[in-house]
Amino acid sequence: MGMKMDLDRYFGKTPATLEEIRRRVMFALDRHPLCRGIEFDVVSMPRNRKSNWTVTLQAVAPDAVWEASDIVADIQEAYELAAAA
């Protein structure tokens, strides 16, 4: 059991719908003062070694680009787009 838990911790991502991921990204961006109000969209994409979804950011202030990218990367490490039923 310990081995399975270790593998899940390193490789397991929580499946989520596009809407769930969109909500998580929105809440995370809104928590950061520089990133509040950023317009974005969550887009599914073919799986690469990191993720099967990405975020397109629009109208991001230059001083918020790094923070917004870091926030999105953290969420990508935790969630994968669930296969459509």
C-alpha atoms as a PDB file:
ATOM      1  CA  MET A   1       0.000   0.000   0.000  1.00  0.00           C
ATOM      2  CA  GLY A   2       2.830   2.412   0.777  1.00  0.00           C
ATOM      3  CA  MET A   3       4.230   2.046  -2.737  1.00  0.00           C
ATOM      4  CA  LYS A   4       0.846   2.824  -4.310  1.00  0.00           C
ATOM      5  CA  MET A   5       0.454   5.931  -2.170  1.00  0.00           C
ATOM      6  CA  ASP A   6       3.932   7.117  -3.153  1.00  0.00           C
ATOM      7  CA  LEU A   7       3.152   6.619  -6.846  1.00  0.00           C
ATOM      8  CA  ASP A   8      -0.122   8.504  -6.478  1.00  0.00           C
ATOM      9  CA  ARG A   9       1.639  11.348  -4.747  1.00  0.00           C
ATOM     10  CA  TYR A  10       4.211  11.657  -7.531  1.00  0.00           C
ATOM     11  CA  PHE A  11       2.171  10.729 -10.589  1.00  0.00           C
ATOM     12  CA  GLY A  12      -1.492  10.796  -9.608  1.00  0.00           C
ATOM     13  CA  LYS A  13      -3.487  13.807 -10.631  1.00  0.00           C
ATOM     14  CA  THR A  14      -7.050  14.477  -9.633  1.00  0.00           C
ATOM     15  CA  PRO A  15      -9.409  14.167 -12.618  1.00  0.00           C
ATOM     16  CA  ALA A  16     -11.578  17.246 -13.089  1.00  0.00           C
ATOM     17  CA  THR A  17     -13.923  18.640 -15.703  1.00  0.00           C
ATOM     18  CA  LEU A  18     -13.063  21.742 -17.730  1.00  0.00           C
ATOM     19  CA  GLU A  19     -15.526  23.692 -15.581  1.00  0.00           C
ATOM     20  CA  GLU A  20     -13.936  22.476 -12.320  1.00  0.00           C
ATOM     21  CA  ILE A  21     -10.462  23.375 -13.572  1.00  0.00           C
ATOM     22  CA  ARG A  22     -11.731  26.773 -14.788  1.00  0.00           C
ATOM     23  CA  ARG A  23     -13.167  27.454 -11.324  1.00  0.00           C
ATOM     24  CA  ARG A  24      -9.946  26.448  -9.556  1.00  0.00           C
ATOM     25  CA  VAL A  25      -7.855  28.666 -11.827  1.00  0.00           C
ATOM     26  CA  MET A  26     -10.242  31.592 -11.305  1.00  0.00           C
ATOM     27  CA  PHE A  27     -10.160  31.272  -7.507  1.00  0.00           C
ATOM     28  CA  ALA A  28      -6.372  30.883  -7.477  1.00  0.00           C
ATOM     29  CA  LEU A  29      -5.820  33.925  -9.698  1.00  0.00           C
ATOM     30  CA  ASP A  30      -8.289  35.994  -7.676  1.00  0.00           C
ATOM     31  CA  ARG A  31      -6.327  35.243  -4.481  1.00  0.00           C
ATOM     32  CA  HIS A  32      -3.218  36.930  -5.913  1.00  0.00           C
ATOM     33  CA  PRO A  33      -3.397  40.751  -5.900  1.00  0.00           C
ATOM     34  CA  LEU A  34      -1.622  41.121  -9.260  1.00  0.00           C
ATOM     35  CA  CYS A  35      -3.707  38.437 -10.962  1.00  0.00           C
ATOM     36  CA  ARG A  36      -7.227  39.490 -10.006  1.00  0.00           C
ATOM     37  CA  GLY A  37      -9.537  39.931 -12.955  1.00  0.00           C
ATOM     38  CA  ILE A  38      -7.282  38.240 -15.521  1.00  0.00           C
ATOM     39  CA  GLU A  39      -9.348  36.861 -18.368  1.00  0.00           C
ATOM     40  CA  PHE A  40      -8.491  33.295 -19.297  1.00  0.00           C
ATOM     41  CA  ASP A  41      -9.826  30.155 -20.850  1.00  0.00           C
ATOM     42  CA  VAL A  42      -9.082  26.522 -20.067  1.00  0.00           C
ATOM     43  CA  VAL A  43      -8.422  24.505 -23.212  1.00  0.00           C
ATOM     44  CA  SER A  44      -8.096  20.746 -23.563  1.00  0.00           C
ATOM     45  CA  MET A  45      -5.152  19.532 -25.628  1.00  0.00           C
ATOM     46  CA  PRO A  46      -3.461  16.263 -26.521  1.00  0.00           C
ATOM     47  CA  ARG A  47      -1.606  14.920 -23.510  1.00  0.00           C
ATOM     48  CA  ASN A  48       2.023  15.889 -23.258  1.00  0.00           C
ATOM     49  CA  ARG A  49       4.341  14.785 -20.503  1.00  0.00           C
ATOM     50  CA  LYS A  50       2.943  17.399 -18.108  1.00  0.00           C
ATOM     51  CA  SER A  51      -0.746  17.813 -18.765  1.00  0.00           C
ATOM     52  CA  ASN A  52      -3.733  17.397 -21.075  1.00  0.00           C
ATOM     53  CA  TRP A  53      -5.015  20.957 -20.668  1.00  0.00           C
ATOM     54  CA  THR A  54      -3.660  24.461 -20.797  1.00  0.00           C
ATOM     55  CA  VAL A  55      -4.783  27.981 -20.033  1.00  0.00           C
ATOM     56  CA  THR A  56      -4.832  30.887 -22.440  1.00  0.00           C
ATOM     57  CA  LEU A  57      -4.384  34.175 -20.601  1.00  0.00           C
ATOM     58  CA  GLN A  58      -5.719  37.433 -22.024  1.00  0.00           C
ATOM     59  CA  ALA A  59      -5.104  41.007 -20.951  1.00  0.00           C
ATOM     60  CA  VAL A  60      -2.424  40.138 -18.398  1.00  0.00           C
ATOM     61  CA  ALA A  61      -0.463  43.047 -16.981  1.00  0.00           C
ATOM     62  CA  PRO A  62       3.286  42.584 -17.614  1.00  0.00           C
ATOM     63  CA  ASP A  63       3.994  42.459 -13.860  1.00  0.00           C
ATOM     64  CA  ALA A  64       1.464  39.630 -13.407  1.00  0.00           C
ATOM     65  CA  VAL A  65       2.645  37.267 -16.160  1.00  0.00           C
ATOM     66  CA  TRP A  66       5.098  35.277 -14.018  1.00  0.00           C
ATOM     67  CA  GLU A  67       2.723  34.944 -11.080  1.00  0.00           C
ATOM     68  CA  ALA A  68      -0.189  33.878 -13.283  1.00  0.00           C
ATOM     69  CA  SER A  69       1.994  31.315 -15.085  1.00  0.00           C
ATOM     70  CA  ASP A  70       3.208  29.884 -11.766  1.00  0.00           C
ATOM     71  CA  ILE A  71      -0.347  29.622 -10.430  1.00  0.00           C
ATOM     72  CA  VAL A  72      -1.497  27.798 -13.570  1.00  0.00           C
ATOM     73  CA  ALA A  73       1.536  25.460 -13.481  1.00  0.00           C
ATOM     74  CA  ASP A  74       0.752  24.504  -9.872  1.00  0.00           C
ATOM     75  CA  ILE A  75      -2.830  23.620 -10.792  1.00  0.00           C
ATOM     76  CA  GLN A  76      -1.644  21.660 -13.843  1.00  0.00           C
ATOM     77  CA  GLU A  77       0.550  19.552 -11.550  1.00  0.00           C
ATOM     78  CA  ALA A  78      -2.461  18.676  -9.408  1.00  0.00           C
ATOM     79  CA  TYR A  79      -5.313  18.213 -11.904  1.00  0.00           C
ATOM     80  CA  GLU A  80      -5.823  16.453 -15.177  1.00  0.00           C
ATOM     81  CA  LEU A  81      -8.769  16.877 -17.482  1.00  0.00           C
ATOM     82  CA  ALA A  82     -11.125  13.950 -16.977  1.00  0.00           C
ATOM     83  CA  ALA A  83     -11.985  11.967 -20.089  1.00  0.00           C
ATOM     84  CA  ALA A  84     -15.332  13.011 -21.482  1.00  0.00           C
ATOM     85  CA  ALA A  85     -18.012  10.499 -20.585  1.00  0.00           C
END
